[in-house]
Amino acid sequence: INYADSVKGRFTISRDNAKNTVYLQMNSLKP
């Protein structure tokens, strides 16, 4: 996994390889 510095600690990427699906959980969102 690689994150941009601006989102570290706030966003989480995950995936389900069997379903070929990726997710992005975004918390503490800013303008």
ModelCIF file with pLDDT and N, C-alpha, C, O atoms, coordinates in Angstrom:
data_MODEL
#
_entry.id   MODEL 
#
_entity.id                         1 
_entity.type                       polymer 
_entity.pdbx_number_of_molecules   1 
#
_entity_poly.entity_id                      1 
_entity_poly.type                           'polypeptide(L)' 
_entity_poly.nstd_linkage                   no 
_entity_poly.nstd_monomer                   no 
_entity_poly.pdbx_seq_one_letter_code       INYADSVKGRFTISRDNAKNTVYLQMNSLKP 
_entity_poly.pdbx_seq_one_letter_code_can   INYADSVKGRFTISRDNAKNTVYLQMNSLKP 
_entity_poly.pdbx_strand_id                 A 
#
loop_
_entity_poly_seq.entity_id 
_entity_poly_seq.num 
_entity_poly_seq.mon_id 
_entity_poly_seq.hetero 
1 1  ILE n 
1 2  ASN n 
1 3  TYR n 
1 4  ALA n 
1 5  ASP n 
1 6  SER n 
1 7  VAL n 
1 8  LYS n 
1 9  GLY n 
1 10 ARG n 
1 11 PHE n 
1 12 THR n 
1 13 ILE n 
1 14 SER n 
1 15 ARG n 
1 16 ASP n 
1 17 ASN n 
1 18 ALA n 
1 19 LYS n 
1 20 ASN n 
1 21 THR n 
1 22 VAL n 
1 23 TYR n 
1 24 LEU n 
1 25 GLN n 
1 26 MET n 
1 27 ASN n 
1 28 SER n 
1 29 LEU n 
1 30 LYS n 
1 31 PRO n 
#
_struct_asym.id          A 
_struct_asym.entity_id   1 
#
loop_
_ma_qa_metric.id 
_ma_qa_metric.mode 
_ma_qa_metric.name 
_ma_qa_metric.software_group_id 
_ma_qa_metric.type 
1 global pLDDT . pLDDT 
2 local  pLDDT . pLDDT 
#
_ma_qa_metric_global.metric_id      1 
_ma_qa_metric_global.metric_value   95.16 
_ma_qa_metric_global.model_id       1 
_ma_qa_metric_global.ordinal_id     1 
#
loop_
_ma_qa_metric_local.label_asym_id 
_ma_qa_metric_local.label_comp_id 
_ma_qa_metric_local.label_seq_id 
_ma_qa_metric_local.metric_id 
_ma_qa_metric_local.metric_value 
_ma_qa_metric_local.model_id 
_ma_qa_metric_local.ordinal_id 
A ILE 1  2 98.00 1 1  
A ASN 2  2 98.00 1 2  
A TYR 3  2 98.00 1 3  
A ALA 4  2 98.00 1 4  
A ASP 5  2 98.00 1 5  
A SER 6  2 97.00 1 6  
A VAL 7  2 98.00 1 7  
A LYS 8  2 98.00 1 8  
A GLY 9  2 97.00 1 9  
A ARG 10 2 98.00 1 10 
A PHE 11 2 98.00 1 11 
A THR 12 2 98.00 1 12 
A ILE 13 2 98.00 1 13 
A SER 14 2 96.00 1 14 
A ARG 15 2 92.00 1 15 
A ASP 16 2 89.00 1 16 
A ASN 17 2 78.00 1 17 
A ALA 18 2 84.00 1 18 
A LYS 19 2 86.00 1 19 
A ASN 20 2 85.00 1 20 
A THR 21 2 92.00 1 21 
A VAL 22 2 95.00 1 22 
A TYR 23 2 97.00 1 23 
A LEU 24 2 98.00 1 24 
A GLN 25 2 98.00 1 25 
A MET 26 2 98.00 1 26 
A ASN 27 2 98.00 1 27 
A SER 28 2 98.00 1 28 
A LEU 29 2 98.00 1 29 
A LYS 30 2 98.00 1 30 
A PRO 31 2 98.00 1 31 
#
loop_
_atom_site.group_PDB 
_atom_site.id 
_atom_site.type_symbol 
_atom_site.label_atom_id 
_atom_site.label_alt_id 
_atom_site.label_comp_id 
_atom_site.label_asym_id 
_atom_site.label_entity_id 
_atom_site.label_seq_id 
_atom_site.pdbx_PDB_ins_code 
_atom_site.Cartn_x 
_atom_site.Cartn_y 
_atom_site.Cartn_z 
_atom_site.occupancy 
_atom_site.B_iso_or_equiv 
_atom_site.pdbx_formal_charge 
_atom_site.auth_seq_id 
_atom_site.auth_comp_id 
_atom_site.auth_asym_id 
_atom_site.auth_atom_id 
_atom_site.pdbx_PDB_model_num 
ATOM 1   N N  . ILE A 1 1  ? 0.827   -1.198  0.000  1.00 98.00 ? 1  ILE A N  1 
ATOM 2   C CA . ILE A 1 1  ? 0.000   0.000   0.000  1.00 98.00 ? 1  ILE A CA 1 
ATOM 3   C C  . ILE A 1 1  ? 0.863   1.250   0.000  1.00 98.00 ? 1  ILE A C  1 
ATOM 4   O O  . ILE A 1 1  ? 1.910   1.304   0.646  1.00 98.00 ? 1  ILE A O  1 
ATOM 5   N N  . ASN A 1 2  ? 0.410   2.243   -0.729 1.00 98.00 ? 2  ASN A N  1 
ATOM 6   C CA . ASN A 1 2  ? 1.054   3.543   -0.761 1.00 98.00 ? 2  ASN A CA 1 
ATOM 7   C C  . ASN A 1 2  ? -0.014  4.621   -0.632 1.00 98.00 ? 2  ASN A C  1 
ATOM 8   O O  . ASN A 1 2  ? -1.039  4.567   -1.310 1.00 98.00 ? 2  ASN A O  1 
ATOM 9   N N  . TYR A 1 3  ? 0.226   5.607   0.243  1.00 98.00 ? 3  TYR A N  1 
ATOM 10  C CA . TYR A 1 3  ? -0.689  6.726   0.450  1.00 98.00 ? 3  TYR A CA 1 
ATOM 11  C C  . TYR A 1 3  ? -0.002  8.044   0.157  1.00 98.00 ? 3  TYR A C  1 
ATOM 12  O O  . TYR A 1 3  ? 1.203   8.197   0.359  1.00 98.00 ? 3  TYR A O  1 
ATOM 13  N N  . ALA A 1 4  ? -0.786  8.987   -0.320 1.00 98.00 ? 4  ALA A N  1 
ATOM 14  C CA . ALA A 1 4  ? -0.317  10.360  -0.368 1.00 98.00 ? 4  ALA A CA 1 
ATOM 15  C C  . ALA A 1 4  ? -0.164  10.884  1.058  1.00 98.00 ? 4  ALA A C  1 
ATOM 16  O O  . ALA A 1 4  ? -0.934  10.519  1.946  1.00 98.00 ? 4  ALA A O  1 
ATOM 17  N N  . ASP A 1 5  ? 0.830   11.741  1.271  1.00 98.00 ? 5  ASP A N  1 
ATOM 18  C CA . ASP A 1 5  ? 1.053   12.282  2.610  1.00 98.00 ? 5  ASP A CA 1 
ATOM 19  C C  . ASP A 1 5  ? -0.178  13.011  3.148  1.00 98.00 ? 5  ASP A C  1 
ATOM 20  O O  . ASP A 1 5  ? -0.435  12.996  4.352  1.00 98.00 ? 5  ASP A O  1 
ATOM 21  N N  . SER A 1 6  ? -0.924  13.638  2.271  1.00 97.00 ? 6  SER A N  1 
ATOM 22  C CA . SER A 1 6  ? -2.061  14.441  2.691  1.00 97.00 ? 6  SER A CA 1 
ATOM 23  C C  . SER A 1 6  ? -3.217  13.619  3.259  1.00 97.00 ? 6  SER A C  1 
ATOM 24  O O  . SER A 1 6  ? -4.098  14.170  3.918  1.00 97.00 ? 6  SER A O  1 
ATOM 25  N N  . VAL A 1 7  ? -3.225  12.310  3.013  1.00 98.00 ? 7  VAL A N  1 
ATOM 26  C CA . VAL A 1 7  ? -4.335  11.484  3.481  1.00 98.00 ? 7  VAL A CA 1 
ATOM 27  C C  . VAL A 1 7  ? -3.907  10.436  4.490  1.00 98.00 ? 7  VAL A C  1 
ATOM 28  O O  . VAL A 1 7  ? -4.756  9.715   5.014  1.00 98.00 ? 7  VAL A O  1 
ATOM 29  N N  . LYS A 1 8  ? -2.628  10.329  4.778  1.00 98.00 ? 8  LYS A N  1 
ATOM 30  C CA . LYS A 1 8  ? -2.158  9.337   5.742  1.00 98.00 ? 8  LYS A CA 1 
ATOM 31  C C  . LYS A 1 8  ? -2.814  9.556   7.100  1.00 98.00 ? 8  LYS A C  1 
ATOM 32  O O  . LYS A 1 8  ? -2.895  10.679  7.599  1.00 98.00 ? 8  LYS A O  1 
ATOM 33  N N  . GLY A 1 9  ? -3.273  8.466   7.677  1.00 97.00 ? 9  GLY A N  1 
ATOM 34  C CA . GLY A 1 9  ? -3.939  8.530   8.963  1.00 97.00 ? 9  GLY A CA 1 
ATOM 35  C C  . GLY A 1 9  ? -5.414  8.819   8.885  1.00 97.00 ? 9  GLY A C  1 
ATOM 36  O O  . GLY A 1 9  ? -6.117  8.698   9.888  1.00 97.00 ? 9  GLY A O  1 
ATOM 37  N N  . ARG A 1 10 ? -5.906  9.199   7.722  1.00 98.00 ? 10 ARG A N  1 
ATOM 38  C CA . ARG A 1 10 ? -7.320  9.516   7.555  1.00 98.00 ? 10 ARG A CA 1 
ATOM 39  C C  . ARG A 1 10 ? -8.017  8.571   6.576  1.00 98.00 ? 10 ARG A C  1 
ATOM 40  O O  . ARG A 1 10 ? -9.181  8.219   6.772  1.00 98.00 ? 10 ARG A O  1 
ATOM 41  N N  . PHE A 1 11 ? -7.313  8.163   5.531  1.00 98.00 ? 11 PHE A N  1 
ATOM 42  C CA . PHE A 1 11 ? -7.893  7.297   4.508  1.00 98.00 ? 11 PHE A CA 1 
ATOM 43  C C  . PHE A 1 11 ? -7.299  5.901   4.620  1.00 98.00 ? 11 PHE A C  1 
ATOM 44  O O  . PHE A 1 11 ? -6.146  5.732   5.017  1.00 98.00 ? 11 PHE A O  1 
ATOM 45  N N  . THR A 1 12 ? -8.098  4.910   4.267  1.00 98.00 ? 12 THR A N  1 
ATOM 46  C CA . THR A 1 12 ? -7.648  3.530   4.256  1.00 98.00 ? 12 THR A CA 1 
ATOM 47  C C  . THR A 1 12 ? -8.088  2.868   2.961  1.00 98.00 ? 12 THR A C  1 
ATOM 48  O O  . THR A 1 12 ? -9.271  2.878   2.624  1.00 98.00 ? 12 THR A O  1 
ATOM 49  N N  . ILE A 1 13 ? -7.136  2.292   2.236  1.00 98.00 ? 13 ILE A N  1 
ATOM 50  C CA . ILE A 1 13 ? -7.455  1.556   1.028  1.00 98.00 ? 13 ILE A CA 1 
ATOM 51  C C  . ILE A 1 13 ? -7.442  0.066   1.342  1.00 98.00 ? 13 ILE A C  1 
ATOM 52  O O  . ILE A 1 13 ? -6.614  -0.409  2.120  1.00 98.00 ? 13 ILE A O  1 
ATOM 53  N N  . SER A 1 14 ? -8.353  -0.654  0.738  1.00 96.00 ? 14 SER A N  1 
ATOM 54  C CA . SER A 1 14 ? -8.410  -2.099  0.901  1.00 96.00 ? 14 SER A CA 1 
ATOM 55  C C  . SER A 1 14 ? -8.936  -2.709  -0.388 1.00 96.00 ? 14 SER A C  1 
ATOM 56  O O  . SER A 1 14 ? -9.458  -2.009  -1.255 1.00 96.00 ? 14 SER A O  1 
ATOM 57  N N  . ARG A 1 15 ? -8.790  -4.021  -0.500 1.00 92.00 ? 15 ARG A N  1 
ATOM 58  C CA . ARG A 1 15 ? -9.239  -4.661  -1.733 1.00 92.00 ? 15 ARG A CA 1 
ATOM 59  C C  . ARG A 1 15 ? -9.711  -6.076  -1.478 1.00 92.00 ? 15 ARG A C  1 
ATOM 60  O O  . ARG A 1 15 ? -9.351  -6.710  -0.485 1.00 92.00 ? 15 ARG A O  1 
ATOM 61  N N  . ASP A 1 16 ? -10.518 -6.549  -2.395 1.00 89.00 ? 16 ASP A N  1 
ATOM 62  C CA . ASP A 1 16 ? -10.959 -7.924  -2.429 1.00 89.00 ? 16 ASP A CA 1 
ATOM 63  C C  . ASP A 1 16 ? -10.546 -8.448  -3.800 1.00 89.00 ? 16 ASP A C  1 
ATOM 64  O O  . ASP A 1 16 ? -11.231 -8.208  -4.794 1.00 89.00 ? 16 ASP A O  1 
ATOM 65  N N  . ASN A 1 17 ? -9.433  -9.159  -3.849 1.00 78.00 ? 17 ASN A N  1 
ATOM 66  C CA . ASN A 1 17 ? -8.911  -9.624  -5.129 1.00 78.00 ? 17 ASN A CA 1 
ATOM 67  C C  . ASN A 1 17 ? -9.863  -10.591 -5.833 1.00 78.00 ? 17 ASN A C  1 
ATOM 68  O O  . ASN A 1 17 ? -9.961  -10.587 -7.060 1.00 78.00 ? 17 ASN A O  1 
ATOM 69  N N  . ALA A 1 18 ? -10.551 -11.404 -5.067 1.00 84.00 ? 18 ALA A N  1 
ATOM 70  C CA . ALA A 1 18 ? -11.482 -12.355 -5.659 1.00 84.00 ? 18 ALA A CA 1 
ATOM 71  C C  . ALA A 1 18 ? -12.617 -11.654 -6.385 1.00 84.00 ? 18 ALA A C  1 
ATOM 72  O O  . ALA A 1 18 ? -13.119 -12.152 -7.393 1.00 84.00 ? 18 ALA A O  1 
ATOM 73  N N  . LYS A 1 19 ? -13.020 -10.499 -5.873 1.00 86.00 ? 19 LYS A N  1 
ATOM 74  C CA . LYS A 1 19 ? -14.103 -9.729  -6.481 1.00 86.00 ? 19 LYS A CA 1 
ATOM 75  C C  . LYS A 1 19 ? -13.600 -8.609  -7.376 1.00 86.00 ? 19 LYS A C  1 
ATOM 76  O O  . LYS A 1 19 ? -14.398 -7.884  -7.972 1.00 86.00 ? 19 LYS A O  1 
ATOM 77  N N  . ASN A 1 20 ? -12.280 -8.462  -7.477 1.00 85.00 ? 20 ASN A N  1 
ATOM 78  C CA . ASN A 1 20 ? -11.686 -7.377  -8.263 1.00 85.00 ? 20 ASN A CA 1 
ATOM 79  C C  . ASN A 1 20 ? -12.264 -6.023  -7.868 1.00 85.00 ? 20 ASN A C  1 
ATOM 80  O O  . ASN A 1 20 ? -12.649 -5.221  -8.718 1.00 85.00 ? 20 ASN A O  1 
ATOM 81  N N  . THR A 1 21 ? -12.316 -5.794  -6.580 1.00 92.00 ? 21 THR A N  1 
ATOM 82  C CA . THR A 1 21 ? -12.906 -4.584  -6.038 1.00 92.00 ? 21 THR A CA 1 
ATOM 83  C C  . THR A 1 21 ? -11.935 -3.918  -5.070 1.00 92.00 ? 21 THR A C  1 
ATOM 84  O O  . THR A 1 21 ? -11.263 -4.593  -4.290 1.00 92.00 ? 21 THR A O  1 
ATOM 85  N N  . VAL A 1 22 ? -11.868 -2.604  -5.126 1.00 95.00 ? 22 VAL A N  1 
ATOM 86  C CA . VAL A 1 22 ? -11.048 -1.826  -4.213 1.00 95.00 ? 22 VAL A CA 1 
ATOM 87  C C  . VAL A 1 22 ? -11.932 -0.809  -3.513 1.00 95.00 ? 22 VAL A C  1 
ATOM 88  O O  . VAL A 1 22 ? -12.899 -0.309  -4.089 1.00 95.00 ? 22 VAL A O  1 
ATOM 89  N N  . TYR A 1 23 ? -11.591 -0.504  -2.255 1.00 97.00 ? 23 TYR A N  1 
ATOM 90  C CA . TYR A 1 23 ? -12.359 0.421   -1.441 1.00 97.00 ? 23 TYR A CA 1 
ATOM 91  C C  . TYR A 1 23 ? -11.450 1.527   -0.919 1.00 97.00 ? 23 TYR A C  1 
ATOM 92  O O  . TYR A 1 23 ? -10.242 1.344   -0.765 1.00 97.00 ? 23 TYR A O  1 
ATOM 93  N N  . LEU A 1 24 ? -12.047 2.656   -0.656 1.00 98.00 ? 24 LEU A N  1 
ATOM 94  C CA . LEU A 1 24 ? -11.341 3.755   -0.015 1.00 98.00 ? 24 LEU A CA 1 
ATOM 95  C C  . LEU A 1 24 ? -12.225 4.298   1.098  1.00 98.00 ? 24 LEU A C  1 
ATOM 96  O O  . LEU A 1 24 ? -13.234 4.956   0.838  1.00 98.00 ? 24 LEU A O  1 
ATOM 97  N N  . GLN A 1 25 ? -11.842 4.020   2.330  1.00 98.00 ? 25 GLN A N  1 
ATOM 98  C CA . GLN A 1 25 ? -12.534 4.565   3.486  1.00 98.00 ? 25 GLN A CA 1 
ATOM 99  C C  . GLN A 1 25 ? -11.913 5.908   3.820  1.00 98.00 ? 25 GLN A C  1 
ATOM 100 O O  . GLN A 1 25 ? -10.718 5.989   4.102  1.00 98.00 ? 25 GLN A O  1 
ATOM 101 N N  . MET A 1 26 ? -12.711 6.953   3.790  1.00 98.00 ? 26 MET A N  1 
ATOM 102 C CA . MET A 1 26 ? -12.233 8.309   4.001  1.00 98.00 ? 26 MET A CA 1 
ATOM 103 C C  . MET A 1 26 ? -12.856 8.854   5.278  1.00 98.00 ? 26 MET A C  1 
ATOM 104 O O  . MET A 1 26 ? -14.073 9.020   5.363  1.00 98.00 ? 26 MET A O  1 
ATOM 105 N N  . ASN A 1 27 ? -12.024 9.126   6.258  1.00 98.00 ? 27 ASN A N  1 
ATOM 106 C CA . ASN A 1 27 ? -12.462 9.674   7.532  1.00 98.00 ? 27 ASN A CA 1 
ATOM 107 C C  . ASN A 1 27 ? -11.862 11.056  7.741  1.00 98.00 ? 27 ASN A C  1 
ATOM 108 O O  . ASN A 1 27 ? -10.909 11.444  7.066  1.00 98.00 ? 27 ASN A O  1 
ATOM 109 N N  . SER A 1 28 ? -12.431 11.786  8.682  1.00 98.00 ? 28 SER A N  1 
ATOM 110 C CA . SER A 1 28 ? -11.938 13.122  9.021  1.00 98.00 ? 28 SER A CA 1 
ATOM 111 C C  . SER A 1 28 ? -11.764 13.978  7.778  1.00 98.00 ? 28 SER A C  1 
ATOM 112 O O  . SER A 1 28 ? -10.725 14.610  7.586  1.00 98.00 ? 28 SER A O  1 
ATOM 113 N N  . LEU A 1 29 ? -12.775 13.990  6.949  1.00 98.00 ? 29 LEU A N  1 
ATOM 114 C CA . LEU A 1 29 ? -12.677 14.682  5.673  1.00 98.00 ? 29 LEU A CA 1 
ATOM 115 C C  . LEU A 1 29 ? -12.551 16.188  5.857  1.00 98.00 ? 29 LEU A C  1 
ATOM 116 O O  . LEU A 1 29 ? -13.132 16.783  6.765  1.00 98.00 ? 29 LEU A O  1 
ATOM 117 N N  . LYS A 1 30 ? -11.776 16.774  4.965  1.00 98.00 ? 30 LYS A N  1 
ATOM 118 C CA . LYS A 1 30 ? -11.510 18.204  4.965  1.00 98.00 ? 30 LYS A CA 1 
ATOM 119 C C  . LYS A 1 30 ? -12.006 18.818  3.665  1.00 98.00 ? 30 LYS A C  1 
ATOM 120 O O  . LYS A 1 30 ? -12.137 18.112  2.665  1.00 98.00 ? 30 LYS A O  1 
ATOM 121 N N  . PRO A 1 31 ? -12.282 20.110  3.658  1.00 98.00 ? 31 PRO A N  1 
ATOM 122 C CA . PRO A 1 31 ? -12.659 20.757  2.397  1.00 98.00 ? 31 PRO A CA 1 
ATOM 123 C C  . PRO A 1 31 ? -11.631 20.545  1.292  1.00 98.00 ? 31 PRO A C  1 
ATOM 124 O O  . PRO A 1 31 ? -11.815 21.032  0.177  1.00 98.00 ? 31 PRO A O  1 
#
